[in-house]
Amino acid sequence: MATFTGYIVDIGEAKIRVAPSPEAEPFDGIVFHLEEELEHEPPLVVGQYVRVEHDEKMTRSLPPQATAHRIDVL
């Protein structure tokens, strides 16, 4: 497993985009697809500083994409 730490800059249906800074450009960061059983309390919101645990398999798209297995709000 690998981790990525940054700010949530976009939230979509079953995915979030996390970037190194809150003022990220549209292609900065990594898009994480959320597993169905991955629930988070409190709910995730834009601007939170998080650490995402994911497998190291990422797409080559811009921004890259991976599957999140765990999200910790820091």
PDB file of N, CA and C in Angstrom:
ATOM      1  N   MET A   1       0.842  -1.195   0.000  1.00  0.00           N
ATOM      2  CA  MET A   1       0.000   0.000   0.000  1.00  0.00           C
ATOM      3  C   MET A   1       0.885   1.255   0.000  1.00  0.00           C
ATOM      4  N   ALA A   2       0.354   2.289  -0.588  1.00  0.00           N
ATOM      5  CA  ALA A   2       1.029   3.583  -0.622  1.00  0.00           C
ATOM      6  C   ALA A   2       0.091   4.614  -0.012  1.00  0.00           C
ATOM      7  N   THR A   3       0.628   5.781   0.339  1.00  0.00           N
ATOM      8  CA  THR A   3      -0.209   6.860   0.867  1.00  0.00           C
ATOM      9  C   THR A   3       0.053   8.139   0.101  1.00  0.00           C
ATOM     10  N   PHE A   4      -0.951   8.993   0.076  1.00  0.00           N
ATOM     11  CA  PHE A   4      -0.847  10.325  -0.526  1.00  0.00           C
ATOM     12  C   PHE A   4      -1.525  11.290   0.432  1.00  0.00           C
ATOM     13  N   THR A   5      -0.852  12.377   0.758  1.00  0.00           N
ATOM     14  CA  THR A   5      -1.384  13.363   1.688  1.00  0.00           C
ATOM     15  C   THR A   5      -1.617  14.675   0.953  1.00  0.00           C
ATOM     16  N   GLY A   6      -2.792  15.265   1.176  1.00  0.00           N
ATOM     17  CA  GLY A   6      -3.103  16.534   0.540  1.00  0.00           C
ATOM     18  C   GLY A   6      -4.494  17.003   0.918  1.00  0.00           C
ATOM     19  N   TYR A   7      -4.989  17.960   0.158  1.00  0.00           N
ATOM     20  CA  TYR A   7      -6.286  18.580   0.416  1.00  0.00           C
ATOM     21  C   TYR A   7      -7.323  18.061  -0.570  1.00  0.00           C
ATOM     22  N   ILE A   8      -8.521  17.819  -0.076  1.00  0.00           N
ATOM     23  CA  ILE A   8      -9.615  17.462  -0.977  1.00  0.00           C
ATOM     24  C   ILE A   8     -10.004  18.716  -1.742  1.00  0.00           C
ATOM     25  N   VAL A   9      -9.907  18.661  -3.067  1.00  0.00           N
ATOM     26  CA  VAL A   9     -10.235  19.834  -3.884  1.00  0.00           C
ATOM     27  C   VAL A   9     -11.476  19.617  -4.737  1.00  0.00           C
ATOM     28  N   ASP A  10     -11.959  18.373  -4.800  1.00  0.00           N
ATOM     29  CA  ASP A  10     -13.161  18.094  -5.581  1.00  0.00           C
ATOM     30  C   ASP A  10     -13.775  16.794  -5.077  1.00  0.00           C
ATOM     31  N   ILE A  11     -15.091  16.771  -4.983  1.00  0.00           N
ATOM     32  CA  ILE A  11     -15.806  15.575  -4.569  1.00  0.00           C
ATOM     33  C   ILE A  11     -16.861  15.263  -5.618  1.00  0.00           C
ATOM     34  N   GLY A  12     -16.849  14.032  -6.097  1.00  0.00           N
ATOM     35  CA  GLY A  12     -17.839  13.577  -7.063  1.00  0.00           C
ATOM     36  C   GLY A  12     -18.521  12.337  -6.534  1.00  0.00           C
ATOM     37  N   GLU A  13     -19.347  11.743  -7.356  1.00  0.00           N
ATOM     38  CA  GLU A  13     -20.033  10.526  -6.947  1.00  0.00           C
ATOM     39  C   GLU A  13     -19.032   9.372  -6.906  1.00  0.00           C
ATOM     40  N   ALA A  14     -18.772   8.861  -5.718  1.00  0.00           N
ATOM     41  CA  ALA A  14     -17.862   7.727  -5.476  1.00  0.00           C
ATOM     42  C   ALA A  14     -16.405   8.037  -5.807  1.00  0.00           C
ATOM     43  N   LYS A  15     -16.022   9.333  -5.813  1.00  0.00           N
ATOM     44  CA  LYS A  15     -14.617   9.677  -6.026  1.00  0.00           C
ATOM     45  C   LYS A  15     -14.306  11.046  -5.441  1.00  0.00           C
ATOM     46  N   ILE A  16     -13.035  11.244  -5.123  1.00  0.00           N
ATOM     47  CA  ILE A  16     -12.550  12.538  -4.658  1.00  0.00           C
ATOM     48  C   ILE A  16     -11.250  12.838  -5.387  1.00  0.00           C
ATOM     49  N   ARG A  17     -10.923  14.126  -5.497  1.00  0.00           N
ATOM     50  CA  ARG A  17      -9.614  14.525  -6.030  1.00  0.00           C
ATOM     51  C   ARG A  17      -8.853  15.183  -4.909  1.00  0.00           C
ATOM     52  N   VAL A  18      -7.633  14.682  -4.658  1.00  0.00           N
ATOM     53  CA  VAL A  18      -6.781  15.187  -3.589  1.00  0.00           C
ATOM     54  C   VAL A  18      -5.540  15.778  -4.229  1.00  0.00           C
ATOM     55  N   ALA A  19      -5.179  17.007  -3.820  1.00  0.00           N
ATOM     56  CA  ALA A  19      -4.036  17.704  -4.401  1.00  0.00           C
ATOM     57  C   ALA A  19      -3.131  18.223  -3.283  1.00  0.00           C
ATOM     58  N   PRO A  20      -1.882  18.522  -3.608  1.00  0.00           N
ATOM     59  CA  PRO A  20      -0.933  18.997  -2.596  1.00  0.00           C
ATOM     60  C   PRO A  20      -1.304  20.342  -1.968  1.00  0.00           C
ATOM     61  N   SER A  21      -2.079  21.161  -2.689  1.00  0.00           N
ATOM     62  CA  SER A  21      -2.470  22.458  -2.131  1.00  0.00           C
ATOM     63  C   SER A  21      -3.954  22.708  -2.407  1.00  0.00           C
ATOM     64  N   PRO A  22      -4.590  23.531  -1.557  1.00  0.00           N
ATOM     65  CA  PRO A  22      -6.018  23.801  -1.765  1.00  0.00           C
ATOM     66  C   PRO A  22      -6.312  24.603  -3.041  1.00  0.00           C
ATOM     67  N   GLU A  23      -5.317  25.286  -3.590  1.00  0.00           N
ATOM     68  CA  GLU A  23      -5.497  26.101  -4.797  1.00  0.00           C
ATOM     69  C   GLU A  23      -5.069  25.333  -6.041  1.00  0.00           C
ATOM     70  N   ALA A  24      -5.382  24.071  -6.118  1.00  0.00           N
ATOM     71  CA  ALA A  24      -4.915  23.195  -7.195  1.00  0.00           C
ATOM     72  C   ALA A  24      -5.541  23.538  -8.541  1.00  0.00           C
ATOM     73  N   GLU A  25      -4.756  23.302  -9.578  1.00  0.00           N
ATOM     74  CA  GLU A  25      -5.246  23.412 -10.942  1.00  0.00           C
ATOM     75  C   GLU A  25      -6.106  22.173 -11.235  1.00  0.00           C
ATOM     76  N   PRO A  26      -6.939  22.207 -12.258  1.00  0.00           N
ATOM     77  CA  PRO A  26      -7.838  21.081 -12.542  1.00  0.00           C
ATOM     78  C   PRO A  26      -7.149  19.727 -12.738  1.00  0.00           C
ATOM     79  N   PHE A  27      -5.896  19.706 -13.191  1.00  0.00           N
ATOM     80  CA  PHE A  27      -5.227  18.431 -13.434  1.00  0.00           C
ATOM     81  C   PHE A  27      -4.205  18.088 -12.358  1.00  0.00           C
ATOM     82  N   ASP A  28      -4.156  18.853 -11.272  1.00  0.00           N
ATOM     83  CA  ASP A  28      -3.243  18.564 -10.167  1.00  0.00           C
ATOM     84  C   ASP A  28      -3.831  17.512  -9.253  1.00  0.00           C
ATOM     85  N   GLY A  29      -2.961  16.731  -8.631  1.00  0.00           N
ATOM     86  CA  GLY A  29      -3.394  15.770  -7.628  1.00  0.00           C
ATOM     87  C   GLY A  29      -3.711  14.408  -8.205  1.00  0.00           C
ATOM     88  N   ILE A  30      -4.464  13.640  -7.432  1.00  0.00           N
ATOM     89  CA  ILE A  30      -4.857  12.283  -7.806  1.00  0.00           C
ATOM     90  C   ILE A  30      -6.354  12.134  -7.580  1.00  0.00           C
ATOM     91  N   VAL A  31      -7.035  11.496  -8.520  1.00  0.00           N
ATOM     92  CA  VAL A  31      -8.450  11.175  -8.352  1.00  0.00           C
ATOM     93  C   VAL A  31      -8.512   9.790  -7.706  1.00  0.00           C
ATOM     94  N   PHE A  32      -9.179   9.716  -6.560  1.00  0.00           N
ATOM     95  CA  PHE A  32      -9.324   8.451  -5.862  1.00  0.00           C
ATOM     96  C   PHE A  32     -10.754   7.966  -5.978  1.00  0.00           C
ATOM     97  N   HIS A  33     -10.909   6.756  -6.483  1.00  0.00           N
ATOM     98  CA  HIS A  33     -12.215   6.114  -6.530  1.00  0.00           C
ATOM     99  C   HIS A  33     -12.440   5.470  -5.174  1.00  0.00           C
ATOM    100  N   LEU A  34     -13.618   5.651  -4.605  1.00  0.00           N
ATOM    101  CA  LEU A  34     -13.918   5.149  -3.272  1.00  0.00           C
ATOM    102  C   LEU A  34     -14.573   3.781  -3.373  1.00  0.00           C
ATOM    103  N   GLU A  35     -14.051   2.814  -2.630  1.00  0.00           N
ATOM    104  CA  GLU A  35     -14.661   1.496  -2.582  1.00  0.00           C
ATOM    105  C   GLU A  35     -16.040   1.620  -1.965  1.00  0.00           C
ATOM    106  N   GLU A  36     -16.966   0.754  -2.361  1.00  0.00           N
ATOM    107  CA  GLU A  36     -18.343   0.825  -1.859  1.00  0.00           C
ATOM    108  C   GLU A  36     -18.419   0.753  -0.345  1.00  0.00           C
ATOM    109  N   GLU A  37     -17.606  -0.106   0.264  1.00  0.00           N
ATOM    110  CA  GLU A  37     -17.672  -0.261   1.714  1.00  0.00           C
ATOM    111  C   GLU A  37     -16.912   0.833   2.467  1.00  0.00           C
ATOM    112  N   LEU A  38     -16.244   1.717   1.742  1.00  0.00           N
ATOM    113  CA  LEU A  38     -15.485   2.793   2.381  1.00  0.00           C
ATOM    114  C   LEU A  38     -16.434   3.917   2.784  1.00  0.00           C
ATOM    115  N   GLU A  39     -16.703   4.001   4.072  1.00  0.00           N
ATOM    116  CA  GLU A  39     -17.553   5.067   4.605  1.00  0.00           C
ATOM    117  C   GLU A  39     -16.704   5.926   5.511  1.00  0.00           C
ATOM    118  N   HIS A  40     -17.050   7.189   5.603  1.00  0.00           N
ATOM    119  CA  HIS A  40     -16.241   8.077   6.424  1.00  0.00           C
ATOM    120  C   HIS A  40     -17.123   8.929   7.310  1.00  0.00           C
ATOM    121  N   GLU A  41     -16.756   8.997   8.560  1.00  0.00           N
ATOM    122  CA  GLU A  41     -17.489   9.812   9.529  1.00  0.00           C
ATOM    123  C   GLU A  41     -16.494  10.719  10.221  1.00  0.00           C
ATOM    124  N   PRO A  42     -16.571  12.024  10.181  1.00  0.00           N
ATOM    125  CA  PRO A  42     -17.609  12.817   9.527  1.00  0.00           C
ATOM    126  C   PRO A  42     -17.469  12.743   8.003  1.00  0.00           C
ATOM    127  N   PRO A  43     -18.509  13.149   7.281  1.00  0.00           N
ATOM    128  CA  PRO A  43     -18.446  13.115   5.816  1.00  0.00           C
ATOM    129  C   PRO A  43     -17.285  13.945   5.282  1.00  0.00           C
ATOM    130  N   LEU A  44     -16.731  13.523   4.175  1.00  0.00           N
ATOM    131  CA  LEU A  44     -15.625  14.240   3.553  1.00  0.00           C
ATOM    132  C   LEU A  44     -16.140  15.506   2.884  1.00  0.00           C
ATOM    133  N   VAL A  45     -15.369  16.588   3.020  1.00  0.00           N
ATOM    134  CA  VAL A  45     -15.742  17.870   2.415  1.00  0.00           C
ATOM    135  C   VAL A  45     -14.514  18.492   1.758  1.00  0.00           C
ATOM    136  N   VAL A  46     -14.764  19.353   0.783  1.00  0.00           N
ATOM    137  CA  VAL A  46     -13.698  20.081   0.106  1.00  0.00           C
ATOM    138  C   VAL A  46     -12.950  20.916   1.132  1.00  0.00           C
ATOM    139  N   GLY A  47     -11.616  20.890   1.050  1.00  0.00           N
ATOM    140  CA  GLY A  47     -10.773  21.682   1.939  1.00  0.00           C
ATOM    141  C   GLY A  47     -10.146  20.879   3.071  1.00  0.00           C
ATOM    142  N   GLN A  48     -10.652  19.666   3.340  1.00  0.00           N
ATOM    143  CA  GLN A  48     -10.070  18.847   4.403  1.00  0.00           C
ATOM    144  C   GLN A  48      -8.682  18.363   3.999  1.00  0.00           C
ATOM    145  N   TYR A  49      -7.787  18.315   4.996  1.00  0.00           N
ATOM    146  CA  TYR A  49      -6.442  17.782   4.801  1.00  0.00           C
ATOM    147  C   TYR A  49      -6.511  16.302   5.143  1.00  0.00           C
ATOM    148  N   VAL A  50      -6.169  15.436   4.198  1.00  0.00           N
ATOM    149  CA  VAL A  50      -6.363  14.000   4.376  1.00  0.00           C
ATOM    150  C   VAL A  50      -5.123  13.202   3.973  1.00  0.00           C
ATOM    151  N   ARG A  51      -5.058  11.989   4.496  1.00  0.00           N
ATOM    152  CA  ARG A  51      -4.074  11.001   4.067  1.00  0.00           C
ATOM    153  C   ARG A  51      -4.871   9.842   3.476  1.00  0.00           C
ATOM    154  N   VAL A  52      -4.567   9.498   2.234  1.00  0.00           N
ATOM    155  CA  VAL A  52      -5.297   8.445   1.535  1.00  0.00           C
ATOM    156  C   VAL A  52      -4.372   7.251   1.343  1.00  0.00           C
ATOM    157  N   GLU A  53      -4.822   6.086   1.815  1.00  0.00           N
ATOM    158  CA  GLU A  53      -4.091   4.842   1.595  1.00  0.00           C
ATOM    159  C   GLU A  53      -4.679   4.196   0.346  1.00  0.00           C
ATOM    160  N   HIS A  54      -3.801   3.832  -0.584  1.00  0.00           N
ATOM    161  CA  HIS A  54      -4.271   3.277  -1.852  1.00  0.00           C
ATOM    162  C   HIS A  54      -3.276   2.238  -2.350  1.00  0.00           C
ATOM    163  N   ASP A  55      -3.723   1.420  -3.308  1.00  0.00           N
ATOM    164  CA  ASP A  55      -2.767   0.508  -3.927  1.00  0.00           C
ATOM    165  C   ASP A  55      -1.899   1.351  -4.858  1.00  0.00           C
ATOM    166  N   GLU A  56      -0.800   0.826  -5.269  1.00  0.00           N
ATOM    167  CA  GLU A  56       0.134   1.616  -6.072  1.00  0.00           C
ATOM    168  C   GLU A  56      -0.213   1.614  -7.559  1.00  0.00           C
ATOM    169  N   LYS A  57      -1.324   0.989  -7.916  1.00  0.00           N
ATOM    170  CA  LYS A  57      -1.730   0.944  -9.320  1.00  0.00           C
ATOM    171  C   LYS A  57      -2.453   2.239  -9.665  1.00  0.00           C
ATOM    172  N   MET A  58      -1.841   3.048 -10.525  1.00  0.00           N
ATOM    173  CA  MET A  58      -2.451   4.309 -10.955  1.00  0.00           C
ATOM    174  C   MET A  58      -2.539   4.339 -12.468  1.00  0.00           C
ATOM    175  N   THR A  59      -3.567   5.006 -12.954  1.00  0.00           N
ATOM    176  CA  THR A  59      -3.689   5.190 -14.398  1.00  0.00           C
ATOM    177  C   THR A  59      -2.685   6.237 -14.857  1.00  0.00           C
ATOM    178  N   ARG A  60      -2.471   6.311 -16.131  1.00  0.00           N
ATOM    179  CA  ARG A  60      -1.563   7.317 -16.692  1.00  0.00           C
ATOM    180  C   ARG A  60      -2.315   8.573 -17.130  1.00  0.00           C
ATOM    181  N   SER A  61      -3.577   8.655 -16.796  1.00  0.00           N
ATOM    182  CA  SER A  61      -4.377   9.814 -17.184  1.00  0.00           C
ATOM    183  C   SER A  61      -3.945  11.041 -16.386  1.00  0.00           C
ATOM    184  N   LEU A  62      -4.417  12.188 -16.801  1.00  0.00           N
ATOM    185  CA  LEU A  62      -4.168  13.432 -16.056  1.00  0.00           C
ATOM    186  C   LEU A  62      -5.487  13.940 -15.526  1.00  0.00           C
ATOM    187  N   PRO A  63      -5.683  14.044 -14.238  1.00  0.00           N
ATOM    188  CA  PRO A  63      -4.797  13.551 -13.189  1.00  0.00           C
ATOM    189  C   PRO A  63      -4.848  12.032 -13.101  1.00  0.00           C
ATOM    190  N   PRO A  64      -3.798  11.428 -12.532  1.00  0.00           N
ATOM    191  CA  PRO A  64      -3.821   9.976 -12.374  1.00  0.00           C
ATOM    192  C   PRO A  64      -4.965   9.541 -11.465  1.00  0.00           C
ATOM    193  N   GLN A  65      -5.372   8.289 -11.588  1.00  0.00           N
ATOM    194  CA  GLN A  65      -6.464   7.761 -10.786  1.00  0.00           C
ATOM    195  C   GLN A  65      -6.033   6.481 -10.095  1.00  0.00           C
ATOM    196  N   ALA A  66      -6.570   6.264  -8.892  1.00  0.00           N
ATOM    197  CA  ALA A  66      -6.284   5.067  -8.102  1.00  0.00           C
ATOM    198  C   ALA A  66      -7.508   4.771  -7.243  1.00  0.00           C
ATOM    199  N   THR A  67      -7.505   3.629  -6.573  1.00  0.00           N
ATOM    200  CA  THR A  67      -8.597   3.251  -5.687  1.00  0.00           C
ATOM    201  C   THR A  67      -8.189   3.473  -4.240  1.00  0.00           C
ATOM    202  N   ALA A  68      -8.967   4.250  -3.502  1.00  0.00           N
ATOM    203  CA  ALA A  68      -8.693   4.514  -2.087  1.00  0.00           C
ATOM    204  C   ALA A  68      -9.192   3.355  -1.240  1.00  0.00           C
ATOM    205  N   HIS A  69      -8.349   2.916  -0.301  1.00  0.00           N
ATOM    206  CA  HIS A  69      -8.736   1.854   0.611  1.00  0.00           C
ATOM    207  C   HIS A  69      -9.002   2.383   2.010  1.00  0.00           C
ATOM    208  N   ARG A  70      -8.424   3.545   2.329  1.00  0.00           N
ATOM    209  CA  ARG A  70      -8.624   4.163   3.640  1.00  0.00           C
ATOM    210  C   ARG A  70      -8.336   5.655   3.519  1.00  0.00           C
ATOM    211  N   ILE A  71      -9.152   6.468   4.218  1.00  0.00           N
ATOM    212  CA  ILE A  71      -8.956   7.915   4.218  1.00  0.00           C
ATOM    213  C   ILE A  71      -8.961   8.384   5.670  1.00  0.00           C
ATOM    214  N   ASP A  72      -7.904   9.086   6.060  1.00  0.00           N
ATOM    215  CA  ASP A  72      -7.812   9.665   7.402  1.00  0.00           C
ATOM    216  C   ASP A  72      -7.813  11.173   7.296  1.00  0.00           C
ATOM    217  N   VAL A  73      -8.704  11.837   8.025  1.00  0.00           N
ATOM    218  CA  VAL A  73      -8.704  13.298   8.078  1.00  0.00           C
ATOM    219  C   VAL A  73      -7.644  13.701   9.093  1.00  0.00           C
ATOM    220  N   LEU A  74      -6.726  14.565   8.693  1.00  0.00           N
ATOM    221  CA  LEU A  74      -5.641  14.993   9.575  1.00  0.00           C
ATOM    222  C   LEU A  74      -5.919  16.329  10.226  1.00  0.00           C
TER     223      LEU A  74
END
